[in-house]
Protein backbone atom coordinates (compact mmCIF):
# COMPACT_ATOMS: atom_id res chain seq x y z
CA MET A 1 0.00 0.00 0.00
CA VAL A 2 1.34 3.42 -0.96
CA LEU A 3 0.64 6.19 1.52
CA SER A 4 0.34 9.87 0.76
CA ALA A 5 2.65 12.35 2.45
CA SER A 6 -0.22 13.39 4.75
CA GLU A 7 -0.89 9.79 5.75
CA GLU A 8 2.80 9.17 6.45
CA SER A 9 2.94 12.34 8.54
CA LEU A 10 -0.09 11.28 10.57
CA ILE A 11 1.37 7.84 11.22
CA LYS A 12 4.67 9.39 12.31
CA VAL A 13 2.90 11.67 14.78
CA VAL A 14 0.76 8.88 16.24
CA ARG A 15 3.81 6.62 16.67
CA GLN A 16 5.51 9.31 18.74
CA LEU A 17 2.64 9.48 21.22
CA PRO A 18 2.43 7.46 24.42
CA PRO A 19 0.26 4.36 23.88
CA ASP A 20 -2.77 5.72 25.74
CA GLU A 21 -2.70 8.98 23.80
CA ALA A 22 -2.22 7.16 20.50
CA ARG A 23 -5.28 5.05 21.29
CA LYS A 24 -7.30 8.25 21.90
CA VAL A 25 -6.23 9.63 18.53
CA LEU A 26 -7.12 6.37 16.78
CA ASP A 27 -10.50 6.24 18.53
CA TRP A 28 -11.18 9.84 17.49
CA ALA A 29 -10.20 9.07 13.90
CA GLN A 30 -12.56 6.08 13.89
CA GLN A 31 -15.39 8.26 15.18
CA LEU A 32 -14.74 10.73 12.36
CA ALA A 33 -14.73 7.91 9.84
CA ASP A 34 -18.02 6.62 11.23
CA LEU A 35 -19.57 10.08 10.85
CA GLY A 36 -18.80 9.97 7.16
CA SER A 37 -20.48 6.56 6.83
CA GLY A 38 -18.11 5.69 4.04
CA GLN A 39 -18.68 8.99 2.23
CA ARG A 40 -15.91 11.44 1.59
CA ILE A 41 -16.09 14.38 3.99
CA GLU A 42 -15.18 17.66 2.39
CA ARG A 43 -13.26 19.80 4.84
CA SER A 44 -14.35 22.94 3.06
CA ASP A 45 -17.99 22.08 3.79
CA SER A 46 -17.37 22.03 7.52
CA TRP A 47 -14.39 24.19 8.37
CA SER A 48 -13.91 27.85 7.60
CA GLU A 49 -10.43 29.36 7.56
CA ASP A 50 -11.24 30.95 10.94
CA ASP A 51 -12.23 27.52 12.30
CA LEU A 52 -8.92 26.06 11.13
CA ARG A 53 -6.91 28.90 12.67
CA GLU A 54 -8.76 28.57 15.99
CA ALA A 55 -8.35 24.78 16.07
CA THR A 56 -4.65 25.07 15.25
CA ALA A 57 -4.10 27.71 17.92
CA ALA A 58 -5.97 25.64 20.52
CA SER A 59 -3.97 22.53 19.63
CA LEU A 60 -0.68 24.35 19.90
CA THR A 61 -1.67 25.93 23.20
CA GLN A 62 -2.64 22.54 24.63
CA PHE A 63 0.56 20.95 23.33
CA ASP A 64 2.68 23.72 24.88
CA GLN A 65 0.86 23.34 28.20
CA GLN A 66 1.39 19.58 28.22
CA GLU A 67 5.08 20.05 27.40
CA ARG A 68 5.47 22.47 30.33
CA GLU A 69 3.73 20.01 32.64
CA GLY A 70 5.97 17.20 31.47
CA ARG A 71 3.21 14.93 30.16
């Protein structure tokens, strides 16, 4: 199976997580896949550029906080 660059990047990130956190990410991804019920979900239908910026900022803030706390 040939993976896209995005898929390879996602796998790399998940492999770097502690097992419990990786499981959470995989469970979340499965929930997203279930929402699509096998249909392609168009990001542009759901996420505005503002939504993406806010989600990115929140993710980075949470990551920074976890790094400071040593998690």
